[in-house]
Amino acid sequence: MGHVNNAKYLTYMEAGRITYARDLGLWSGGAPGDVAPIMAKATIEYRLPLNLDDKAVEVYTRTSRLGNKSYDMEHLIVRQGDGVVAAYGLIVLVVYDYTRGESTAIPEAWRAKLAAYEPGLKKEN
């Protein structure tokens, strides 16, 4: 059909989240005993189709809400070249302890790094 499949948008957002987490030192890639975020909910608003001949996209990622065990990340997928927003995504992530097999509180070290990096972060108790 000549357009990028809708599932690819989630892949773009995932790449943004991984880069963001690594840049802030929130995730080491899954060392034994680590906790890690898992996706609980994904919402995407498609604003324009990306075409197969579009050369590249840019993904802008930020954390917008910090709860006790979950947090929200927002993503903008922008067509490179003209800067038009192709999609907006909201992902809810839950911190998961794979050793215990259950969700857990967001680590305090993560909270401190996110608060320092995202001055407009909405924090819930």
PDB file of N, CA and C in Angstrom:
ATOM      1  N   MET A   1       0.802  -1.201   0.000  1.00  0.00           N
ATOM      2  CA  MET A   1       0.000   0.000   0.000  1.00  0.00           C
ATOM      3  C   MET A   1       0.850   1.273   0.000  1.00  0.00           C
ATOM      4  N   GLY A   2       2.154   1.110   0.188  1.00  0.00           N
ATOM      5  CA  GLY A   2       3.043   2.261   0.089  1.00  0.00           C
ATOM      6  C   GLY A   2       3.251   3.041   1.372  1.00  0.00           C
ATOM      7  N   HIS A   3       2.620   2.605   2.472  1.00  0.00           N
ATOM      8  CA  HIS A   3       2.811   3.325   3.739  1.00  0.00           C
ATOM      9  C   HIS A   3       3.442   2.394   4.783  1.00  0.00           C
ATOM     10  N   VAL A   4       4.004   3.020   5.814  1.00  0.00           N
ATOM     11  CA  VAL A   4       4.625   2.267   6.898  1.00  0.00           C
ATOM     12  C   VAL A   4       3.518   1.617   7.730  1.00  0.00           C
ATOM     13  N   ASN A   5       3.662   0.342   8.048  1.00  0.00           N
ATOM     14  CA  ASN A   5       2.669  -0.373   8.835  1.00  0.00           C
ATOM     15  C   ASN A   5       2.528   0.248  10.221  1.00  0.00           C
ATOM     16  N   ASN A   6       1.307   0.244  10.740  1.00  0.00           N
ATOM     17  CA  ASN A   6       1.047   0.883  12.030  1.00  0.00           C
ATOM     18  C   ASN A   6       1.866   0.281  13.171  1.00  0.00           C
ATOM     19  N   ALA A   7       2.200  -0.991  13.110  1.00  0.00           N
ATOM     20  CA  ALA A   7       2.992  -1.625  14.171  1.00  0.00           C
ATOM     21  C   ALA A   7       4.401  -1.033  14.254  1.00  0.00           C
ATOM     22  N   LYS A   8       4.901  -0.531  13.151  1.00  0.00           N
ATOM     23  CA  LYS A   8       6.248   0.054  13.126  1.00  0.00           C
ATOM     24  C   LYS A   8       6.322   1.286  14.031  1.00  0.00           C
ATOM     25  N   TYR A   9       5.215   1.998  14.198  1.00  0.00           N
ATOM     26  CA  TYR A   9       5.201   3.181  15.064  1.00  0.00           C
ATOM     27  C   TYR A   9       5.551   2.792  16.502  1.00  0.00           C
ATOM     28  N   LEU A  10       5.045   1.636  16.957  1.00  0.00           N
ATOM     29  CA  LEU A  10       5.405   1.152  18.296  1.00  0.00           C
ATOM     30  C   LEU A  10       6.890   0.823  18.377  1.00  0.00           C
ATOM     31  N   THR A  11       7.448   0.310  17.297  1.00  0.00           N
ATOM     32  CA  THR A  11       8.882   0.023  17.265  1.00  0.00           C
ATOM     33  C   THR A  11       9.690   1.313  17.369  1.00  0.00           C
ATOM     34  N   TYR A  12       9.267   2.348  16.659  1.00  0.00           N
ATOM     35  CA  TYR A  12       9.944   3.651  16.767  1.00  0.00           C
ATOM     36  C   TYR A  12       9.914   4.150  18.214  1.00  0.00           C
ATOM     37  N   MET A  13       8.748   4.036  18.859  1.00  0.00           N
ATOM     38  CA  MET A  13       8.615   4.499  20.240  1.00  0.00           C
ATOM     39  C   MET A  13       9.481   3.669  21.189  1.00  0.00           C
ATOM     40  N   GLU A  14       9.533   2.360  20.943  1.00  0.00           N
ATOM     41  CA  GLU A  14      10.368   1.498  21.772  1.00  0.00           C
ATOM     42  C   GLU A  14      11.832   1.918  21.672  1.00  0.00           C
ATOM     43  N   ALA A  15      12.288   2.214  20.471  1.00  0.00           N
ATOM     44  CA  ALA A  15      13.671   2.659  20.292  1.00  0.00           C
ATOM     45  C   ALA A  15      13.913   3.956  21.065  1.00  0.00           C
ATOM     46  N   GLY A  16      12.940   4.863  21.051  1.00  0.00           N
ATOM     47  CA  GLY A  16      13.057   6.098  21.821  1.00  0.00           C
ATOM     48  C   GLY A  16      13.144   5.838  23.315  1.00  0.00           C
ATOM     49  N   ARG A  17      12.313   4.919  23.816  1.00  0.00           N
ATOM     50  CA  ARG A  17      12.321   4.586  25.255  1.00  0.00           C
ATOM     51  C   ARG A  17      13.636   3.942  25.680  1.00  0.00           C
ATOM     52  N   ILE A  18      14.159   3.044  24.856  1.00  0.00           N
ATOM     53  CA  ILE A  18      15.416   2.375  25.194  1.00  0.00           C
ATOM     54  C   ILE A  18      16.561   3.386  25.230  1.00  0.00           C
ATOM     55  N   THR A  19      16.632   4.237  24.236  1.00  0.00           N
ATOM     56  CA  THR A  19      17.681   5.262  24.210  1.00  0.00           C
ATOM     57  C   THR A  19      17.562   6.176  25.418  1.00  0.00           C
ATOM     58  N   TYR A  20      16.357   6.618  25.723  1.00  0.00           N
ATOM     59  CA  TYR A  20      16.092   7.489  26.869  1.00  0.00           C
ATOM     60  C   TYR A  20      16.549   6.814  28.165  1.00  0.00           C
ATOM     61  N   ALA A  21      16.150   5.563  28.368  1.00  0.00           N
ATOM     62  CA  ALA A  21      16.489   4.847  29.603  1.00  0.00           C
ATOM     63  C   ALA A  21      17.998   4.646  29.728  1.00  0.00           C
ATOM     64  N   ARG A  22      18.644   4.318  28.654  1.00  0.00           N
ATOM     65  CA  ARG A  22      20.101   4.126  28.694  1.00  0.00           C
ATOM     66  C   ARG A  22      20.822   5.442  28.927  1.00  0.00           C
ATOM     67  N   ASP A  23      20.377   6.508  28.266  1.00  0.00           N
ATOM     68  CA  ASP A  23      21.013   7.817  28.437  1.00  0.00           C
ATOM     69  C   ASP A  23      20.926   8.311  29.879  1.00  0.00           C
ATOM     70  N   LEU A  24      19.813   8.019  30.539  1.00  0.00           N
ATOM     71  CA  LEU A  24      19.640   8.449  31.929  1.00  0.00           C
ATOM     72  C   LEU A  24      20.170   7.426  32.937  1.00  0.00           C
ATOM     73  N   GLY A  25      20.622   6.283  32.478  1.00  0.00           N
ATOM     74  CA  GLY A  25      21.135   5.251  33.372  1.00  0.00           C
ATOM     75  C   GLY A  25      20.040   4.578  34.182  1.00  0.00           C
ATOM     76  N   LEU A  26      18.844   4.447  33.590  1.00  0.00           N
ATOM     77  CA  LEU A  26      17.718   3.831  34.283  1.00  0.00           C
ATOM     78  C   LEU A  26      17.661   2.319  34.082  1.00  0.00           C
ATOM     79  N   TRP A  27      18.329   1.834  33.076  1.00  0.00           N
ATOM     80  CA  TRP A  27      18.212   0.418  32.741  1.00  0.00           C
ATOM     81  C   TRP A  27      19.533  -0.054  32.154  1.00  0.00           C
ATOM     82  N   SER A  28      20.015  -1.171  32.647  1.00  0.00           N
ATOM     83  CA  SER A  28      21.311  -1.679  32.206  1.00  0.00           C
ATOM     84  C   SER A  28      21.186  -2.743  31.122  1.00  0.00           C
ATOM     85  N   GLY A  29      19.982  -3.102  30.767  1.00  0.00           N
ATOM     86  CA  GLY A  29      19.794  -4.089  29.707  1.00  0.00           C
ATOM     87  C   GLY A  29      19.388  -5.457  30.206  1.00  0.00           C
ATOM     88  N   GLY A  30      19.054  -5.571  31.477  1.00  0.00           N
ATOM     89  CA  GLY A  30      18.516  -6.829  31.967  1.00  0.00           C
ATOM     90  C   GLY A  30      19.471  -7.689  32.757  1.00  0.00           C
ATOM     91  N   ALA A  31      20.313  -7.092  33.586  1.00  0.00           N
ATOM     92  CA  ALA A  31      21.195  -7.887  34.451  1.00  0.00           C
ATOM     93  C   ALA A  31      20.347  -8.661  35.465  1.00  0.00           C
ATOM     94  N   PRO A  32      20.797  -9.847  35.871  1.00  0.00           N
ATOM     95  CA  PRO A  32      20.027 -10.630  36.862  1.00  0.00           C
ATOM     96  C   PRO A  32      19.745  -9.816  38.125  1.00  0.00           C
ATOM     97  N   GLY A  33      18.520  -9.901  38.601  1.00  0.00           N
ATOM     98  CA  GLY A  33      18.122  -9.183  39.801  1.00  0.00           C
ATOM     99  C   GLY A  33      17.629  -7.771  39.557  1.00  0.00           C
ATOM    100  N   ASP A  34      17.781  -7.281  38.319  1.00  0.00           N
ATOM    101  CA  ASP A  34      17.300  -5.940  37.989  1.00  0.00           C
ATOM    102  C   ASP A  34      15.780  -5.888  37.940  1.00  0.00           C
ATOM    103  N   VAL A  35      15.267  -4.708  38.126  1.00  0.00           N
ATOM    104  CA  VAL A  35      13.873  -4.456  37.796  1.00  0.00           C
ATOM    105  C   VAL A  35      13.870  -3.739  36.454  1.00  0.00           C
ATOM    106  N   ALA A  36      12.776  -3.854  35.739  1.00  0.00           N
ATOM    107  CA  ALA A  36      12.707  -3.251  34.415  1.00  0.00           C
ATOM    108  C   ALA A  36      11.274  -2.816  34.121  1.00  0.00           C
ATOM    109  N   PRO A  37      11.122  -1.835  33.248  1.00  0.00           N
ATOM    110  CA  PRO A  37       9.777  -1.419  32.870  1.00  0.00           C
ATOM    111  C   PRO A  37       9.169  -2.373  31.855  1.00  0.00           C
ATOM    112  N   ILE A  38       7.868  -2.619  32.003  1.00  0.00           N
ATOM    113  CA  ILE A  38       7.127  -3.363  30.984  1.00  0.00           C
ATOM    114  C   ILE A  38       5.913  -2.523  30.582  1.00  0.00           C
ATOM    115  N   MET A  39       5.539  -2.634  29.341  1.00  0.00           N
ATOM    116  CA  MET A  39       4.428  -1.835  28.829  1.00  0.00           C
ATOM    117  C   MET A  39       3.097  -2.385  29.340  1.00  0.00           C
ATOM    118  N   ALA A  40       2.292  -1.492  29.904  1.00  0.00           N
ATOM    119  CA  ALA A  40       0.965  -1.872  30.375  1.00  0.00           C
ATOM    120  C   ALA A  40      -0.125  -1.359  29.435  1.00  0.00           C
ATOM    121  N   LYS A  41       0.155  -0.263  28.746  1.00  0.00           N
ATOM    122  CA  LYS A  41      -0.855   0.336  27.873  1.00  0.00           C
ATOM    123  C   LYS A  41      -0.157   1.178  26.821  1.00  0.00           C
ATOM    124  N   ALA A  42      -0.681   1.130  25.607  1.00  0.00           N
ATOM    125  CA  ALA A  42      -0.158   1.942  24.513  1.00  0.00           C
ATOM    126  C   ALA A  42      -1.309   2.602  23.770  1.00  0.00           C
ATOM    127  N   THR A  43      -1.191   3.895  23.582  1.00  0.00           N
ATOM    128  CA  THR A  43      -2.168   4.658  22.810  1.00  0.00           C
ATOM    129  C   THR A  43      -1.410   5.425  21.736  1.00  0.00           C
ATOM    130  N   ILE A  44      -1.879   5.322  20.503  1.00  0.00           N
ATOM    131  CA  ILE A  44      -1.237   6.048  19.408  1.00  0.00           C
ATOM    132  C   ILE A  44      -2.297   6.835  18.651  1.00  0.00           C
ATOM    133  N   GLU A  45      -2.012   8.100  18.439  1.00  0.00           N
ATOM    134  CA  GLU A  45      -2.830   8.941  17.564  1.00  0.00           C
ATOM    135  C   GLU A  45      -2.050   9.122  16.272  1.00  0.00           C
ATOM    136  N   TYR A  46      -2.553   8.538  15.213  1.00  0.00           N
ATOM    137  CA  TYR A  46      -1.915   8.661  13.913  1.00  0.00           C
ATOM    138  C   TYR A  46      -2.371   9.964  13.281  1.00  0.00           C
ATOM    139  N   ARG A  47      -1.426  10.810  12.944  1.00  0.00           N
ATOM    140  CA  ARG A  47      -1.773  12.120  12.389  1.00  0.00           C
ATOM    141  C   ARG A  47      -1.548  12.202  10.888  1.00  0.00           C
ATOM    142  N   LEU A  48      -0.614  11.408  10.372  1.00  0.00           N
ATOM    143  CA  LEU A  48      -0.430  11.314   8.925  1.00  0.00           C
ATOM    144  C   LEU A  48       0.312  10.033   8.624  1.00  0.00           C
ATOM    145  N   PRO A  49       0.065   9.465   7.481  1.00  0.00           N
ATOM    146  CA  PRO A  49       0.784   8.230   7.147  1.00  0.00           C
ATOM    147  C   PRO A  49       2.222   8.535   6.763  1.00  0.00           C
ATOM    148  N   LEU A  50       3.117   7.698   7.228  1.00  0.00           N
ATOM    149  CA  LEU A  50       4.484   7.748   6.738  1.00  0.00           C
ATOM    150  C   LEU A  50       4.540   6.858   5.509  1.00  0.00           C
ATOM    151  N   ASN A  51       5.217   7.312   4.490  1.00  0.00           N
ATOM    152  CA  ASN A  51       5.322   6.552   3.252  1.00  0.00           C
ATOM    153  C   ASN A  51       6.633   5.797   3.210  1.00  0.00           C
ATOM    154  N   LEU A  52       6.666   4.735   2.447  1.00  0.00           N
ATOM    155  CA  LEU A  52       7.870   3.923   2.365  1.00  0.00           C
ATOM    156  C   LEU A  52       9.055   4.698   1.797  1.00  0.00           C
ATOM    157  N   ASP A  53       8.792   5.761   1.045  1.00  0.00           N
ATOM    158  CA  ASP A  53       9.896   6.549   0.497  1.00  0.00           C
ATOM    159  C   ASP A  53      10.342   7.674   1.435  1.00  0.00           C
ATOM    160  N   ASP A  54       9.672   7.835   2.597  1.00  0.00           N
ATOM    161  CA  ASP A  54      10.170   8.779   3.599  1.00  0.00           C
ATOM    162  C   ASP A  54      11.498   8.239   4.105  1.00  0.00           C
ATOM    163  N   LYS A  55      12.511   9.069   4.133  1.00  0.00           N
ATOM    164  CA  LYS A  55      13.870   8.606   4.441  1.00  0.00           C
ATOM    165  C   LYS A  55      14.084   8.276   5.910  1.00  0.00           C
ATOM    166  N   ALA A  56      13.503   9.059   6.820  1.00  0.00           N
ATOM    167  CA  ALA A  56      13.775   8.825   8.241  1.00  0.00           C
ATOM    168  C   ALA A  56      12.737   9.548   9.098  1.00  0.00           C
ATOM    169  N   VAL A  57      12.677   9.124  10.336  1.00  0.00           N
ATOM    170  CA  VAL A  57      11.844   9.809  11.319  1.00  0.00           C
ATOM    171  C   VAL A  57      12.707  10.140  12.533  1.00  0.00           C
ATOM    172  N   GLU A  58      12.252  11.099  13.294  1.00  0.00           N
ATOM    173  CA  GLU A  58      12.853  11.419  14.581  1.00  0.00           C
ATOM    174  C   GLU A  58      11.809  11.107  15.635  1.00  0.00           C
ATOM    175  N   VAL A  59      12.246  10.584  16.766  1.00  0.00           N
ATOM    176  CA  VAL A  59      11.335  10.262  17.859  1.00  0.00           C
ATOM    177  C   VAL A  59      11.736  11.098  19.064  1.00  0.00           C
ATOM    178  N   TYR A  60      10.801  11.902  19.537  1.00  0.00           N
ATOM    179  CA  TYR A  60      11.016  12.718  20.730  1.00  0.00           C
ATOM    180  C   TYR A  60      10.291  12.027  21.883  1.00  0.00           C
ATOM    181  N   THR A  61      11.006  11.824  22.977  1.00  0.00           N
ATOM    182  CA  THR A  61      10.489  11.041  24.089  1.00  0.00           C
ATOM    183  C   THR A  61      10.667  11.809  25.389  1.00  0.00           C
ATOM    184  N   ARG A  62       9.632  11.746  26.229  1.00  0.00           N
ATOM    185  CA  ARG A  62       9.752  12.338  27.559  1.00  0.00           C
ATOM    186  C   ARG A  62       8.890  11.560  28.538  1.00  0.00           C
ATOM    187  N   THR A  63       9.255  11.643  29.805  1.00  0.00           N
ATOM    188  CA  THR A  63       8.429  11.091  30.870  1.00  0.00           C
ATOM    189  C   THR A  63       7.533  12.225  31.342  1.00  0.00           C
ATOM    190  N   SER A  64       6.228  11.980  31.395  1.00  0.00           N
ATOM    191  CA  SER A  64       5.288  13.045  31.741  1.00  0.00           C
ATOM    192  C   SER A  64       4.592  12.834  33.085  1.00  0.00           C
ATOM    193  N   ARG A  65       4.563  11.580  33.574  1.00  0.00           N
ATOM    194  CA  ARG A  65       3.908  11.297  34.860  1.00  0.00           C
ATOM    195  C   ARG A  65       4.681  10.211  35.570  1.00  0.00           C
ATOM    196  N   LEU A  66       4.808  10.398  36.881  1.00  0.00           N
ATOM    197  CA  LEU A  66       5.506   9.436  37.717  1.00  0.00           C
ATOM    198  C   LEU A  66       4.586   9.033  38.851  1.00  0.00           C
ATOM    199  N   GLY A  67       4.144   7.779  38.831  1.00  0.00           N
ATOM    200  CA  GLY A  67       3.295   7.260  39.894  1.00  0.00           C
ATOM    201  C   GLY A  67       4.111   6.474  40.902  1.00  0.00           C
ATOM    202  N   ASN A  68       3.468   5.571  41.633  1.00  0.00           N
ATOM    203  CA  ASN A  68       4.173   4.746  42.603  1.00  0.00           C
ATOM    204  C   ASN A  68       4.895   3.584  41.911  1.00  0.00           C
ATOM    205  N   LYS A  69       4.157   2.833  41.082  1.00  0.00           N
ATOM    206  CA  LYS A  69       4.730   1.684  40.377  1.00  0.00           C
ATOM    207  C   LYS A  69       4.742   1.866  38.866  1.00  0.00           C
ATOM    208  N   SER A  70       4.108   2.907  38.373  1.00  0.00           N
ATOM    209  CA  SER A  70       4.004   3.107  36.933  1.00  0.00           C
ATOM    210  C   SER A  70       4.373   4.543  36.573  1.00  0.00           C
ATOM    211  N   TYR A  71       4.676   4.714  35.293  1.00  0.00           N
ATOM    212  CA  TYR A  71       4.966   6.053  34.785  1.00  0.00           C
ATOM    213  C   TYR A  71       4.553   6.130  33.320  1.00  0.00           C
ATOM    214  N   ASP A  72       4.309   7.354  32.872  1.00  0.00           N
ATOM    215  CA  ASP A  72       3.881   7.606  31.499  1.00  0.00           C
ATOM    216  C   ASP A  72       5.022   8.187  30.699  1.00  0.00           C
ATOM    217  N   MET A  73       5.141   7.716  29.476  1.00  0.00           N
ATOM    218  CA  MET A  73       6.078   8.300  28.530  1.00  0.00           C
ATOM    219  C   MET A  73       5.297   8.738  27.300  1.00  0.00           C
ATOM    220  N   GLU A  74       5.617   9.928  26.842  1.00  0.00           N
ATOM    221  CA  GLU A  74       5.004  10.471  25.639  1.00  0.00           C
ATOM    222  C   GLU A  74       6.030  10.470  24.518  1.00  0.00           C
ATOM    223  N   HIS A  75       5.551  10.216  23.316  1.00  0.00           N
ATOM    224  CA  HIS A  75       6.425  10.152  22.146  1.00  0.00           C
ATOM    225  C   HIS A  75       5.804  10.959  21.011  1.00  0.00           C
ATOM    226  N   LEU A  76       6.642  11.689  20.318  1.00  0.00           N
ATOM    227  CA  LEU A  76       6.257  12.300  19.056  1.00  0.00           C
ATOM    228  C   LEU A  76       7.110  11.663  17.972  1.00  0.00           C
ATOM    229  N   ILE A  77       6.458  11.185  16.936  1.00  0.00           N
ATOM    230  CA  ILE A  77       7.169  10.668  15.772  1.00  0.00           C
ATOM    231  C   ILE A  77       7.058  11.733  14.695  1.00  0.00           C
ATOM    232  N   VAL A  78       8.199  12.237  14.292  1.00  0.00           N
ATOM    233  CA  VAL A  78       8.265  13.379  13.381  1.00  0.00           C
ATOM    234  C   VAL A  78       8.961  12.955  12.091  1.00  0.00           C
ATOM    235  N   ARG A  79       8.357  13.299  10.985  1.00  0.00           N
ATOM    236  CA  ARG A  79       8.976  13.001   9.692  1.00  0.00           C
ATOM    237  C   ARG A  79      10.181  13.908   9.510  1.00  0.00           C
ATOM    238  N   GLN A  80      11.331  13.300   9.304  1.00  0.00           N
ATOM    239  CA  GLN A  80      12.549  14.077   9.148  1.00  0.00           C
ATOM    240  C   GLN A  80      12.507  14.819   7.823  1.00  0.00           C
ATOM    241  N   GLY A  81      12.986  16.010   7.833  1.00  0.00           N
ATOM    242  CA  GLY A  81      12.999  16.824   6.620  1.00  0.00           C
ATOM    243  C   GLY A  81      12.055  17.990   6.735  1.00  0.00           C
ATOM    244  N   ASP A  82      10.761  17.700   6.956  1.00  0.00           N
ATOM    245  CA  ASP A  82       9.803  18.793   7.064  1.00  0.00           C
ATOM    246  C   ASP A  82       9.291  19.001   8.492  1.00  0.00           C
ATOM    247  N   GLY A  83       9.631  18.092   9.414  1.00  0.00           N
ATOM    248  CA  GLY A  83       9.266  18.265  10.816  1.00  0.00           C
ATOM    249  C   GLY A  83       7.792  18.069  11.132  1.00  0.00           C
ATOM    250  N   VAL A  84       7.049  17.459  10.229  1.00  0.00           N
ATOM    251  CA  VAL A  84       5.624  17.232  10.456  1.00  0.00           C
ATOM    252  C   VAL A  84       5.445  16.049  11.418  1.00  0.00           C
ATOM    253  N   VAL A  85       4.560  16.225  12.412  1.00  0.00           N
ATOM    254  CA  VAL A  85       4.278  15.165  13.374  1.00  0.00           C
ATOM    255  C   VAL A  85       3.420  14.097  12.707  1.00  0.00           C
ATOM    256  N   ALA A  86       3.943  12.875  12.662  1.00  0.00           N
ATOM    257  CA  ALA A  86       3.218  11.764  12.059  1.00  0.00           C
ATOM    258  C   ALA A  86       2.346  11.053  13.083  1.00  0.00           C
ATOM    259  N   ALA A  87       2.790  11.034  14.357  1.00  0.00           N
ATOM    260  CA  ALA A  87       2.016  10.340  15.388  1.00  0.00           C
ATOM    261  C   ALA A  87       2.417  10.835  16.770  1.00  0.00           C
ATOM    262  N   TYR A  88       1.460  10.706  17.682  1.00  0.00           N
ATOM    263  CA  TYR A  88       1.676  10.974  19.103  1.00  0.00           C
ATOM    264  C   TYR A  88       1.373   9.671  19.839  1.00  0.00           C
ATOM    265  N   GLY A  89       2.246   9.298  20.763  1.00  0.00           N
ATOM    266  CA  GLY A  89       2.016   8.083  21.530  1.00  0.00           C
ATOM    267  C   GLY A  89       2.118   8.332  23.017  1.00  0.00           C
ATOM    268  N   LEU A  90       1.269   7.641  23.756  1.00  0.00           N
ATOM    269  CA  LEU A  90       1.329   7.653  25.214  1.00  0.00           C
ATOM    270  C   LEU A  90       1.462   6.207  25.666  1.00  0.00           C
ATOM    271  N   ILE A  91       2.542   5.917  26.364  1.00  0.00           N
ATOM    272  CA  ILE A  91       2.830   4.574  26.837  1.00  0.00           C
ATOM    273  C   ILE A  91       2.838   4.594  28.361  1.00  0.00           C
ATOM    274  N   VAL A  92       2.101   3.675  28.982  1.00  0.00           N
ATOM    275  CA  VAL A  92       2.136   3.499  30.427  1.00  0.00           C
ATOM    276  C   VAL A  92       3.047   2.311  30.702  1.00  0.00           C
ATOM    277  N   LEU A  93       4.056   2.547  31.517  1.00  0.00           N
ATOM    278  CA  LEU A  93       5.017   1.503  31.871  1.00  0.00           C
ATOM    279  C   LEU A  93       4.904   1.182  33.350  1.00  0.00           C
ATOM    280  N   VAL A  94       5.036  -0.093  33.673  1.00  0.00           N
ATOM    281  CA  VAL A  94       5.007  -0.564  35.053  1.00  0.00           C
ATOM    282  C   VAL A  94       6.384  -1.136  35.357  1.00  0.00           C
ATOM    283  N   VAL A  95       6.912  -0.808  36.524  1.00  0.00           N
ATOM    284  CA  VAL A  95       8.202  -1.364  36.934  1.00  0.00           C
ATOM    285  C   VAL A  95       7.948  -2.778  37.455  1.00  0.00           C
ATOM    286  N   TYR A  96       8.697  -3.721  36.917  1.00  0.00           N
ATOM    287  CA  TYR A  96       8.461  -5.130  37.207  1.00  0.00           C
ATOM    288  C   TYR A  96       9.728  -5.772  37.760  1.00  0.00           C
ATOM    289  N   ASP A  97       9.539  -6.523  38.836  1.00  0.00           N
ATOM    290  CA  ASP A  97      10.630  -7.276  39.453  1.00  0.00           C
ATOM    291  C   ASP A  97      10.533  -8.710  38.933  1.00  0.00           C
ATOM    292  N   TYR A  98      11.423  -9.066  38.038  1.00  0.00           N
ATOM    293  CA  TYR A  98      11.367 -10.384  37.411  1.00  0.00           C
ATOM    294  C   TYR A  98      11.742 -11.507  38.374  1.00  0.00           C
ATOM    295  N   THR A  99      12.527 -11.204  39.394  1.00  0.00           N
ATOM    296  CA  THR A  99      12.882 -12.225  40.385  1.00  0.00           C
ATOM    297  C   THR A  99      11.667 -12.613  41.206  1.00  0.00           C
ATOM    298  N   ARG A 100      10.910 -11.613  41.647  1.00  0.00           N
ATOM    299  CA  ARG A 100       9.727 -11.865  42.472  1.00  0.00           C
ATOM    300  C   ARG A 100       8.484 -12.137  41.632  1.00  0.00           C
ATOM    301  N   GLY A 101       8.515 -11.760  40.369  1.00  0.00           N
ATOM    302  CA  GLY A 101       7.369 -11.988  39.500  1.00  0.00           C
ATOM    303  C   GLY A 101       6.199 -11.068  39.771  1.00  0.00           C
ATOM    304  N   GLU A 102       6.497  -9.800  40.108  1.00  0.00           N
ATOM    305  CA  GLU A 102       5.419  -8.844  40.406  1.00  0.00           C
ATOM    306  C   GLU A 102       5.892  -7.415  40.184  1.00  0.00           C
ATOM    307  N   SER A 103       4.916  -6.514  40.071  1.00  0.00           N
ATOM    308  CA  SER A 103       5.258  -5.105  39.944  1.00  0.00           C
ATOM    309  C   SER A 103       5.848  -4.617  41.260  1.00  0.00           C
ATOM    310  N   THR A 104       6.619  -3.547  41.157  1.00  0.00           N
ATOM    311  CA  THR A 104       7.281  -3.004  42.336  1.00  0.00           C
ATOM    312  C   THR A 104       7.357  -1.487  42.225  1.00  0.00           C
ATOM    313  N   ALA A 105       7.664  -0.842  43.311  1.00  0.00           N
ATOM    314  CA  ALA A 105       7.780   0.620  43.318  1.00  0.00           C
ATOM    315  C   ALA A 105       8.918   1.068  42.400  1.00  0.00           C
ATOM    316  N   ILE A 106       8.739   2.231  41.819  1.00  0.00           N
ATOM    317  CA  ILE A 106       9.793   2.814  40.996  1.00  0.00           C
ATOM    318  C   ILE A 106      10.996   3.078  41.899  1.00  0.00           C
ATOM    319  N   PRO A 107      12.170   2.591  41.529  1.00  0.00           N
ATOM    320  CA  PRO A 107      13.346   2.795  42.376  1.00  0.00           C
ATOM    321  C   PRO A 107      13.616   4.283  42.635  1.00  0.00           C
ATOM    322  N   GLU A 108      14.046   4.582  43.841  1.00  0.00           N
ATOM    323  CA  GLU A 108      14.328   5.977  44.216  1.00  0.00           C
ATOM    324  C   GLU A 108      15.391   6.599  43.313  1.00  0.00           C
ATOM    325  N   ALA A 109      16.368   5.813  42.899  1.00  0.00           N
ATOM    326  CA  ALA A 109      17.399   6.343  41.997  1.00  0.00           C
ATOM    327  C   ALA A 109      16.784   6.783  40.666  1.00  0.00           C
ATOM    328  N   TRP A 110      15.813   6.017  40.169  1.00  0.00           N
ATOM    329  CA  TRP A 110      15.114   6.402  38.936  1.00  0.00           C
ATOM    330  C   TRP A 110      14.350   7.702  39.154  1.00  0.00           C
ATOM    331  N   ARG A 111      13.653   7.789  40.286  1.00  0.00           N
ATOM    332  CA  ARG A 111      12.872   8.991  40.594  1.00  0.00           C
ATOM    333  C   ARG A 111      13.754  10.238  40.587  1.00  0.00           C
ATOM    334  N   ALA A 112      14.911  10.136  41.223  1.00  0.00           N
ATOM    335  CA  ALA A 112      15.823  11.272  41.307  1.00  0.00           C
ATOM    336  C   ALA A 112      16.320  11.681  39.922  1.00  0.00           C
ATOM    337  N   LYS A 113      16.703  10.697  39.106  1.00  0.00           N
ATOM    338  CA  LYS A 113      17.199  11.000  37.763  1.00  0.00           C
ATOM    339  C   LYS A 113      16.103  11.607  36.891  1.00  0.00           C
ATOM    340  N   LEU A 114      14.896  11.059  36.974  1.00  0.00           N
ATOM    341  CA  LEU A 114      13.785  11.585  36.175  1.00  0.00           C
ATOM    342  C   LEU A 114      13.401  12.988  36.609  1.00  0.00           C
ATOM    343  N   ALA A 115      13.355  13.233  37.909  1.00  0.00           N
ATOM    344  CA  ALA A 115      13.006  14.561  38.412  1.00  0.00           C
ATOM    345  C   ALA A 115      14.042  15.598  37.971  1.00  0.00           C
ATOM    346  N   ALA A 116      15.300  15.222  37.955  1.00  0.00           N
ATOM    347  CA  ALA A 116      16.354  16.150  37.529  1.00  0.00           C
ATOM    348  C   ALA A 116      16.297  16.412  36.026  1.00  0.00           C
ATOM    349  N   TYR A 117      15.949  15.402  35.257  1.00  0.00           N
ATOM    350  CA  TYR A 117      15.940  15.502  33.790  1.00  0.00           C
ATOM    351  C   TYR A 117      14.656  16.133  33.260  1.00  0.00           C
ATOM    352  N   GLU A 118      13.547  15.915  33.936  1.00  0.00           N
ATOM    353  CA  GLU A 118      12.224  16.380  33.481  1.00  0.00           C
ATOM    354  C   GLU A 118      11.644  17.364  34.503  1.00  0.00           C
ATOM    355  N   PRO A 119      11.979  18.650  34.395  1.00  0.00           N
ATOM    356  CA  PRO A 119      11.523  19.610  35.395  1.00  0.00           C
ATOM    357  C   PRO A 119      10.003  19.769  35.485  1.00  0.00           C
ATOM    358  N   GLY A 120       9.287  19.453  34.419  1.00  0.00           N
ATOM    359  CA  GLY A 120       7.822  19.578  34.422  1.00  0.00           C
ATOM    360  C   GLY A 120       7.094  18.294  34.779  1.00  0.00           C
ATOM    361  N   LEU A 121       7.800  17.328  35.299  1.00  0.00           N
ATOM    362  CA  LEU A 121       7.247  16.008  35.573  1.00  0.00           C
ATOM    363  C   LEU A 121       6.130  16.065  36.602  1.00  0.00           C
ATOM    364  N   LYS A 122       5.003  15.446  36.275  1.00  0.00           N
ATOM    365  CA  LYS A 122       3.871  15.344  37.202  1.00  0.00           C
ATOM    366  C   LYS A 122       4.105  14.133  38.092  1.00  0.00           C
ATOM    367  N   LYS A 123       4.162  14.378  39.392  1.00  0.00           N
ATOM    368  CA  LYS A 123       4.419  13.297  40.345  1.00  0.00           C
ATOM    369  C   LYS A 123       3.153  13.010  41.141  1.00  0.00           C
ATOM    370  N   GLU A 124       2.798  11.745  41.193  1.00  0.00           N
ATOM    371  CA  GLU A 124       1.627  11.304  41.969  1.00  0.00           C
ATOM    372  C   GLU A 124       2.121  10.540  43.174  1.00  0.00           C
ATOM    373  N   ASN A 125       1.344  10.559  44.219  1.00  0.00           N
ATOM    374  CA  ASN A 125       1.709   9.789  45.415  1.00  0.00           C
ATOM    375  C   ASN A 125       1.125   8.405  45.356  1.00  0.00           C
TER     376      ASN A 125
END
